[in-house]
């Protein structure tokens, strides 16, 4: 995978914000959802659901835990 020209940072507070960040990074690297899914060995629909921020039991619990503990999640792409 190609590296974007600059580092991209985001502070995420929800599955939707994380999905939007991941979509931005994927697109900046010129990858389609299908290409990314193939690299990961998963179905393209799963990539779509992640990028759409579709709530799952895991993400609800994860972001609930972060809120309760007053923990901030920052992500970056190199």
PDB file of N, CA and C in Angstrom:
ATOM      1  N   UNK A   1       0.826  -1.173   0.000  1.00  0.00           N
ATOM      2  CA  UNK A   1       0.000   0.000   0.000  1.00  0.00           C
ATOM      3  C   UNK A   1       0.876   1.244   0.000  1.00  0.00           C
ATOM      4  N   UNK A   2       0.462   2.226  -0.771  1.00  0.00           N
ATOM      5  CA  UNK A   2       1.194   3.486  -0.839  1.00  0.00           C
ATOM      6  C   UNK A   2       0.937   4.301   0.421  1.00  0.00           C
ATOM      7  N   UNK A   3       1.891   5.139   0.770  1.00  0.00           N
ATOM      8  CA  UNK A   3       1.763   6.002   1.932  1.00  0.00           C
ATOM      9  C   UNK A   3       1.241   7.364   1.498  1.00  0.00           C
ATOM     10  N   UNK A   4       0.247   7.911   2.224  1.00  0.00           N
ATOM     11  CA  UNK A   4      -0.212   9.248   1.855  1.00  0.00           C
ATOM     12  C   UNK A   4       0.907  10.270   2.067  1.00  0.00           C
ATOM     13  N   UNK A   5       0.850  11.423   1.408  1.00  0.00           N
ATOM     14  CA  UNK A   5       1.930  12.384   1.471  1.00  0.00           C
ATOM     15  C   UNK A   5       2.188  12.954   2.867  1.00  0.00           C
ATOM     16  N   UNK A   6       1.183  13.003   3.716  1.00  0.00           N
ATOM     17  CA  UNK A   6       1.377  13.520   5.059  1.00  0.00           C
ATOM     18  C   UNK A   6       0.650  12.633   6.061  1.00  0.00           C
ATOM     19  N   UNK A   7       1.073  12.720   7.305  1.00  0.00           N
ATOM     20  CA  UNK A   7       0.432  11.953   8.354  1.00  0.00           C
ATOM     21  C   UNK A   7      -0.949  12.528   8.620  1.00  0.00           C
ATOM     22  N   UNK A   8      -1.926  11.665   8.796  1.00  0.00           N
ATOM     23  CA  UNK A   8      -3.297  12.062   9.073  1.00  0.00           C
ATOM     24  C   UNK A   8      -3.651  11.633  10.486  1.00  0.00           C
ATOM     25  N   UNK A   9      -4.179  12.574  11.285  1.00  0.00           N
ATOM     26  CA  UNK A   9      -4.569  12.312  12.661  1.00  0.00           C
ATOM     27  C   UNK A   9      -6.051  12.574  12.846  1.00  0.00           C
ATOM     28  N   UNK A  10      -6.651  11.883  13.818  1.00  0.00           N
ATOM     29  CA  UNK A  10      -8.038  12.160  14.197  1.00  0.00           C
ATOM     30  C   UNK A  10      -8.260  11.705  15.624  1.00  0.00           C
ATOM     31  N   UNK A  11      -9.112  12.415  16.305  1.00  0.00           N
ATOM     32  CA  UNK A  11      -9.589  11.997  17.613  1.00  0.00           C
ATOM     33  C   UNK A  11     -10.974  11.418  17.362  1.00  0.00           C
ATOM     34  N   UNK A  12     -11.184  10.164  17.727  1.00  0.00           N
ATOM     35  CA  UNK A  12     -12.461   9.506  17.425  1.00  0.00           C
ATOM     36  C   UNK A  12     -13.225   9.220  18.705  1.00  0.00           C
ATOM     37  N   UNK A  13     -14.537   9.467  18.620  1.00  0.00           N
ATOM     38  CA  UNK A  13     -15.410   9.278  19.773  1.00  0.00           C
ATOM     39  C   UNK A  13     -16.541   8.300  19.496  1.00  0.00           C
ATOM     40  N   UNK A  14     -16.572   7.746  18.287  1.00  0.00           N
ATOM     41  CA  UNK A  14     -17.662   6.840  17.919  1.00  0.00           C
ATOM     42  C   UNK A  14     -17.208   5.935  16.775  1.00  0.00           C
ATOM     43  N   UNK A  15     -17.972   4.887  16.573  1.00  0.00           N
ATOM     44  CA  UNK A  15     -17.697   3.980  15.453  1.00  0.00           C
ATOM     45  C   UNK A  15     -17.827   4.720  14.130  1.00  0.00           C
ATOM     46  N   UNK A  16     -18.762   5.664  14.055  1.00  0.00           N
ATOM     47  CA  UNK A  16     -18.948   6.432  12.818  1.00  0.00           C
ATOM     48  C   UNK A  16     -17.724   7.291  12.510  1.00  0.00           C
ATOM     49  N   UNK A  17     -17.142   7.932  13.538  1.00  0.00           N
ATOM     50  CA  UNK A  17     -15.953   8.748  13.321  1.00  0.00           C
ATOM     51  C   UNK A  17     -14.757   7.882  12.935  1.00  0.00           C
ATOM     52  N   UNK A  18     -14.626   6.723  13.561  1.00  0.00           N
ATOM     53  CA  UNK A  18     -13.539   5.813  13.201  1.00  0.00           C
ATOM     54  C   UNK A  18     -13.713   5.327  11.764  1.00  0.00           C
ATOM     55  N   UNK A  19     -14.926   4.962  11.397  1.00  0.00           N
ATOM     56  CA  UNK A  19     -15.199   4.515  10.033  1.00  0.00           C
ATOM     57  C   UNK A  19     -14.887   5.581   9.002  1.00  0.00           C
ATOM     58  N   UNK A  20     -15.268   6.830   9.297  1.00  0.00           N
ATOM     59  CA  UNK A  20     -15.001   7.935   8.373  1.00  0.00           C
ATOM     60  C   UNK A  20     -13.493   8.150   8.215  1.00  0.00           C
ATOM     61  N   UNK A  21     -12.762   8.037   9.319  1.00  0.00           N
ATOM     62  CA  UNK A  21     -11.302   8.174   9.251  1.00  0.00           C
ATOM     63  C   UNK A  21     -10.702   7.073   8.380  1.00  0.00           C
ATOM     64  N   UNK A  22     -11.119   5.841   8.607  1.00  0.00           N
ATOM     65  CA  UNK A  22     -10.582   4.720   7.834  1.00  0.00           C
ATOM     66  C   UNK A  22     -10.931   4.851   6.356  1.00  0.00           C
ATOM     67  N   UNK A  23     -12.144   5.318   6.052  1.00  0.00           N
ATOM     68  CA  UNK A  23     -12.537   5.534   4.658  1.00  0.00           C
ATOM     69  C   UNK A  23     -11.641   6.598   4.023  1.00  0.00           C
ATOM     70  N   UNK A  24     -11.400   7.688   4.746  1.00  0.00           N
ATOM     71  CA  UNK A  24     -10.532   8.766   4.237  1.00  0.00           C
ATOM     72  C   UNK A  24      -9.134   8.227   3.919  1.00  0.00           C
ATOM     73  N   UNK A  25      -8.573   7.447   4.826  1.00  0.00           N
ATOM     74  CA  UNK A  25      -7.229   6.900   4.612  1.00  0.00           C
ATOM     75  C   UNK A  25      -7.222   5.948   3.427  1.00  0.00           C
ATOM     76  N   UNK A  26      -8.233   5.057   3.360  1.00  0.00           N
ATOM     77  CA  UNK A  26      -8.308   4.120   2.232  1.00  0.00           C
ATOM     78  C   UNK A  26      -8.358   4.874   0.915  1.00  0.00           C
ATOM     79  N   UNK A  27      -9.234   5.874   0.840  1.00  0.00           N
ATOM     80  CA  UNK A  27      -9.379   6.635  -0.401  1.00  0.00           C
ATOM     81  C   UNK A  27      -8.108   7.418  -0.737  1.00  0.00           C
ATOM     82  N   UNK A  28      -7.429   7.959   0.283  1.00  0.00           N
ATOM     83  CA  UNK A  28      -6.207   8.712   0.020  1.00  0.00           C
ATOM     84  C   UNK A  28      -5.101   7.817  -0.516  1.00  0.00           C
ATOM     85  N   UNK A  29      -5.221   6.529  -0.243  1.00  0.00           N
ATOM     86  CA  UNK A  29      -4.232   5.571  -0.756  1.00  0.00           C
ATOM     87  C   UNK A  29      -4.658   4.949  -2.078  1.00  0.00           C
ATOM     88  N   UNK A  30      -5.786   5.397  -2.586  1.00  0.00           N
ATOM     89  CA  UNK A  30      -6.248   4.941  -3.889  1.00  0.00           C
ATOM     90  C   UNK A  30      -6.761   3.513  -3.910  1.00  0.00           C
ATOM     91  N   UNK A  31      -7.246   3.039  -2.771  1.00  0.00           N
ATOM     92  CA  UNK A  31      -7.766   1.673  -2.692  1.00  0.00           C
ATOM     93  C   UNK A  31      -9.289   1.674  -2.723  1.00  0.00           C
ATOM     94  N   UNK A  32      -9.839   0.706  -3.415  1.00  0.00           N
ATOM     95  CA  UNK A  32     -11.287   0.509  -3.377  1.00  0.00           C
ATOM     96  C   UNK A  32     -11.617  -0.364  -2.165  1.00  0.00           C
ATOM     97  N   UNK A  33     -12.884  -0.383  -1.796  1.00  0.00           N
ATOM     98  CA  UNK A  33     -13.300  -1.272  -0.713  1.00  0.00           C
ATOM     99  C   UNK A  33     -13.011  -2.722  -1.085  1.00  0.00           C
ATOM    100  N   UNK A  34     -13.215  -3.058  -2.339  1.00  0.00           N
ATOM    101  CA  UNK A  34     -12.974  -4.428  -2.807  1.00  0.00           C
ATOM    102  C   UNK A  34     -11.497  -4.801  -2.666  1.00  0.00           C
ATOM    103  N   UNK A  35     -10.598  -3.900  -3.065  1.00  0.00           N
ATOM    104  CA  UNK A  35      -9.163  -4.173  -2.956  1.00  0.00           C
ATOM    105  C   UNK A  35      -8.741  -4.352  -1.493  1.00  0.00           C
ATOM    106  N   UNK A  36      -9.252  -3.485  -0.619  1.00  0.00           N
ATOM    107  CA  UNK A  36      -8.926  -3.591   0.800  1.00  0.00           C
ATOM    108  C   UNK A  36      -9.463  -4.900   1.376  1.00  0.00           C
ATOM    109  N   UNK A  37     -10.688  -5.234   1.028  1.00  0.00           N
ATOM    110  CA  UNK A  37     -11.289  -6.483   1.509  1.00  0.00           C
ATOM    111  C   UNK A  37     -10.467  -7.688   1.050  1.00  0.00           C
ATOM    112  N   UNK A  38     -10.030  -7.675  -0.200  1.00  0.00           N
ATOM    113  CA  UNK A  38      -9.203  -8.773  -0.717  1.00  0.00           C
ATOM    114  C   UNK A  38      -7.900  -8.897   0.064  1.00  0.00           C
ATOM    115  N   UNK A  39      -7.275  -7.747   0.370  1.00  0.00           N
ATOM    116  CA  UNK A  39      -6.025  -7.754   1.147  1.00  0.00           C
ATOM    117  C   UNK A  39      -6.235  -8.357   2.538  1.00  0.00           C
ATOM    118  N   UNK A  40      -7.405  -8.073   3.110  1.00  0.00           N
ATOM    119  CA  UNK A  40      -7.714  -8.545   4.463  1.00  0.00           C
ATOM    120  C   UNK A  40      -8.330  -9.938   4.492  1.00  0.00           C
ATOM    121  N   UNK A  41      -8.754 -10.420   3.320  1.00  0.00           N
ATOM    122  CA  UNK A  41      -9.403 -11.731   3.264  1.00  0.00           C
ATOM    123  C   UNK A  41     -10.810 -11.712   3.842  1.00  0.00           C
ATOM    124  N   UNK A  42     -11.491 -10.563   3.660  1.00  0.00           N
ATOM    125  CA  UNK A  42     -12.862 -10.438   4.156  1.00  0.00           C
ATOM    126  C   UNK A  42     -13.771  -9.993   3.022  1.00  0.00           C
ATOM    127  N   UNK A  43     -15.062 -10.013   3.283  1.00  0.00           N
ATOM    128  CA  UNK A  43     -16.055  -9.586   2.310  1.00  0.00           C
ATOM    129  C   UNK A  43     -16.093  -8.057   2.238  1.00  0.00           C
ATOM    130  N   UNK A  44     -16.305  -7.502   1.055  1.00  0.00           N
ATOM    131  CA  UNK A  44     -16.372  -6.057   0.869  1.00  0.00           C
ATOM    132  C   UNK A  44     -17.467  -5.428   1.724  1.00  0.00           C
ATOM    133  N   UNK A  45     -18.557  -6.162   1.940  1.00  0.00           N
ATOM    134  CA  UNK A  45     -19.655  -5.625   2.754  1.00  0.00           C
ATOM    135  C   UNK A  45     -19.199  -5.324   4.177  1.00  0.00           C
ATOM    136  N   UNK A  46     -18.260  -6.105   4.696  1.00  0.00           N
ATOM    137  CA  UNK A  46     -17.751  -5.867   6.042  1.00  0.00           C
ATOM    138  C   UNK A  46     -16.952  -4.566   6.084  1.00  0.00           C
ATOM    139  N   UNK A  47     -16.152  -4.308   5.044  1.00  0.00           N
ATOM    140  CA  UNK A  47     -15.418  -3.041   4.949  1.00  0.00           C
ATOM    141  C   UNK A  47     -16.419  -1.893   4.908  1.00  0.00           C
ATOM    142  N   UNK A  48     -17.472  -2.048   4.111  1.00  0.00           N
ATOM    143  CA  UNK A  48     -18.509  -1.014   4.021  1.00  0.00           C
ATOM    144  C   UNK A  48     -19.125  -0.746   5.400  1.00  0.00           C
ATOM    145  N   UNK A  49     -19.457  -1.788   6.133  1.00  0.00           N
ATOM    146  CA  UNK A  49     -20.078  -1.626   7.449  1.00  0.00           C
ATOM    147  C   UNK A  49     -19.144  -0.911   8.421  1.00  0.00           C
ATOM    148  N   UNK A  50     -17.867  -1.237   8.384  1.00  0.00           N
ATOM    149  CA  UNK A  50     -16.893  -0.564   9.252  1.00  0.00           C
ATOM    150  C   UNK A  50     -16.825   0.913   8.896  1.00  0.00           C
ATOM    151  N   UNK A  51     -16.680   1.214   7.611  1.00  0.00           N
ATOM    152  CA  UNK A  51     -16.563   2.602   7.181  1.00  0.00           C
ATOM    153  C   UNK A  51     -17.846   3.395   7.428  1.00  0.00           C
ATOM    154  N   UNK A  52     -18.981   2.729   7.387  1.00  0.00           N
ATOM    155  CA  UNK A  52     -20.264   3.390   7.634  1.00  0.00           C
ATOM    156  C   UNK A  52     -20.499   3.612   9.130  1.00  0.00           C
ATOM    157  N   UNK A  53     -19.664   3.004   9.959  1.00  0.00           N
ATOM    158  CA  UNK A  53     -19.837   3.140  11.401  1.00  0.00           C
ATOM    159  C   UNK A  53     -21.023   2.378  11.924  1.00  0.00           C
ATOM    160  N   UNK A  54     -21.375   1.297  11.243  1.00  0.00           N
ATOM    161  CA  UNK A  54     -22.497   0.475  11.666  1.00  0.00           C
ATOM    162  C   UNK A  54     -22.266  -0.004  13.093  1.00  0.00           C
ATOM    163  N   UNK A  55     -23.200   0.316  13.999  1.00  0.00           N
ATOM    164  CA  UNK A  55     -23.001  -0.080  15.397  1.00  0.00           C
ATOM    165  C   UNK A  55     -23.014  -1.609  15.549  1.00  0.00           C
ATOM    166  N   UNK A  56     -22.092  -2.090  16.336  1.00  0.00           N
ATOM    167  CA  UNK A  56     -22.053  -3.505  16.684  1.00  0.00           C
ATOM    168  C   UNK A  56     -21.948  -3.585  18.199  1.00  0.00           C
ATOM    169  N   UNK A  57     -22.181  -4.745  18.733  1.00  0.00           N
ATOM    170  CA  UNK A  57     -22.036  -4.922  20.171  1.00  0.00           C
ATOM    171  C   UNK A  57     -20.624  -4.526  20.600  1.00  0.00           C
ATOM    172  N   UNK A  58     -19.624  -4.935  19.830  1.00  0.00           N
ATOM    173  CA  UNK A  58     -18.233  -4.620  20.156  1.00  0.00           C
ATOM    174  C   UNK A  58     -17.994  -3.114  20.195  1.00  0.00           C
ATOM    175  N   UNK A  59     -18.417  -2.384  19.138  1.00  0.00           N
ATOM    176  CA  UNK A  59     -18.126  -0.950  19.100  1.00  0.00           C
ATOM    177  C   UNK A  59     -18.919  -0.197  20.165  1.00  0.00           C
ATOM    178  N   UNK A  60     -20.155  -0.610  20.420  1.00  0.00           N
ATOM    179  CA  UNK A  60     -20.922   0.047  21.490  1.00  0.00           C
ATOM    180  C   UNK A  60     -20.222  -0.119  22.828  1.00  0.00           C
ATOM    181  N   UNK A  61     -19.739  -1.313  23.105  1.00  0.00           N
ATOM    182  CA  UNK A  61     -19.037  -1.553  24.369  1.00  0.00           C
ATOM    183  C   UNK A  61     -17.704  -0.822  24.419  1.00  0.00           C
ATOM    184  N   UNK A  62     -16.963  -0.848  23.325  1.00  0.00           N
ATOM    185  CA  UNK A  62     -15.660  -0.180  23.280  1.00  0.00           C
ATOM    186  C   UNK A  62     -15.797   1.312  23.544  1.00  0.00           C
ATOM    187  N   UNK A  63     -16.662   1.988  22.794  1.00  0.00           N
ATOM    188  CA  UNK A  63     -16.791   3.429  22.958  1.00  0.00           C
ATOM    189  C   UNK A  63     -17.497   3.788  24.267  1.00  0.00           C
ATOM    190  N   UNK A  64     -18.369   2.915  24.767  1.00  0.00           N
ATOM    191  CA  UNK A  64     -18.955   3.117  26.091  1.00  0.00           C
ATOM    192  C   UNK A  64     -17.889   3.053  27.172  1.00  0.00           C
ATOM    193  N   UNK A  65     -17.001   2.083  27.067  1.00  0.00           N
ATOM    194  CA  UNK A  65     -15.898   1.939  28.016  1.00  0.00           C
ATOM    195  C   UNK A  65     -14.987   3.165  27.985  1.00  0.00           C
ATOM    196  N   UNK A  66     -14.657   3.626  26.794  1.00  0.00           N
ATOM    197  CA  UNK A  66     -13.814   4.813  26.664  1.00  0.00           C
ATOM    198  C   UNK A  66     -14.467   6.025  27.328  1.00  0.00           C
ATOM    199  N   UNK A  67     -15.789   6.197  27.102  1.00  0.00           N
ATOM    200  CA  UNK A  67     -16.496   7.325  27.718  1.00  0.00           C
ATOM    201  C   UNK A  67     -16.500   7.212  29.238  1.00  0.00           C
ATOM    202  N   UNK A  68     -16.826   6.014  29.757  1.00  0.00           N
ATOM    203  CA  UNK A  68     -16.898   5.831  31.206  1.00  0.00           C
ATOM    204  C   UNK A  68     -15.560   6.063  31.891  1.00  0.00           C
ATOM    205  N   UNK A  69     -14.488   5.682  31.229  1.00  0.00           N
ATOM    206  CA  UNK A  69     -13.157   5.852  31.809  1.00  0.00           C
ATOM    207  C   UNK A  69     -12.529   7.200  31.446  1.00  0.00           C
ATOM    208  N   UNK A  70     -13.273   8.008  30.689  1.00  0.00           N
ATOM    209  CA  UNK A  70     -12.778   9.305  30.243  1.00  0.00           C
ATOM    210  C   UNK A  70     -11.451   9.164  29.496  1.00  0.00           C
ATOM    211  N   UNK A  71     -11.437   8.203  28.570  1.00  0.00           N
ATOM    212  CA  UNK A  71     -10.253   7.931  27.752  1.00  0.00           C
ATOM    213  C   UNK A  71     -10.498   8.475  26.356  1.00  0.00           C
ATOM    214  N   UNK A  72      -9.504   9.132  25.821  1.00  0.00           N
ATOM    215  CA  UNK A  72      -9.566   9.700  24.478  1.00  0.00           C
ATOM    216  C   UNK A  72      -8.809   8.789  23.519  1.00  0.00           C
ATOM    217  N   UNK A  73      -9.411   8.480  22.376  1.00  0.00           N
ATOM    218  CA  UNK A  73      -8.758   7.651  21.368  1.00  0.00           C
ATOM    219  C   UNK A  73      -8.332   8.523  20.202  1.00  0.00           C
ATOM    220  N   UNK A  74      -7.044   8.480  19.894  1.00  0.00           N
ATOM    221  CA  UNK A  74      -6.530   9.175  18.733  1.00  0.00           C
ATOM    222  C   UNK A  74      -5.940   8.145  17.785  1.00  0.00           C
ATOM    223  N   UNK A  75      -6.203   8.348  16.523  1.00  0.00           N
ATOM    224  CA  UNK A  75      -5.690   7.430  15.496  1.00  0.00           C
ATOM    225  C   UNK A  75      -4.891   8.239  14.488  1.00  0.00           C
ATOM    226  N   UNK A  76      -3.934   7.597  13.865  1.00  0.00           N
ATOM    227  CA  UNK A  76      -3.181   8.275  12.816  1.00  0.00           C
ATOM    228  C   UNK A  76      -2.785   7.279  11.750  1.00  0.00           C
ATOM    229  N   UNK A  77      -2.600   7.800  10.567  1.00  0.00           N
ATOM    230  CA  UNK A  77      -2.141   6.993   9.438  1.00  0.00           C
ATOM    231  C   UNK A  77      -0.763   7.479   9.052  1.00  0.00           C
ATOM    232  N   UNK A  78       0.123   6.535   8.828  1.00  0.00           N
ATOM    233  CA  UNK A  78       1.478   6.906   8.407  1.00  0.00           C
ATOM    234  C   UNK A  78       1.589   6.843   6.920  1.00  0.00           C
TER     235      UNK A  78
END
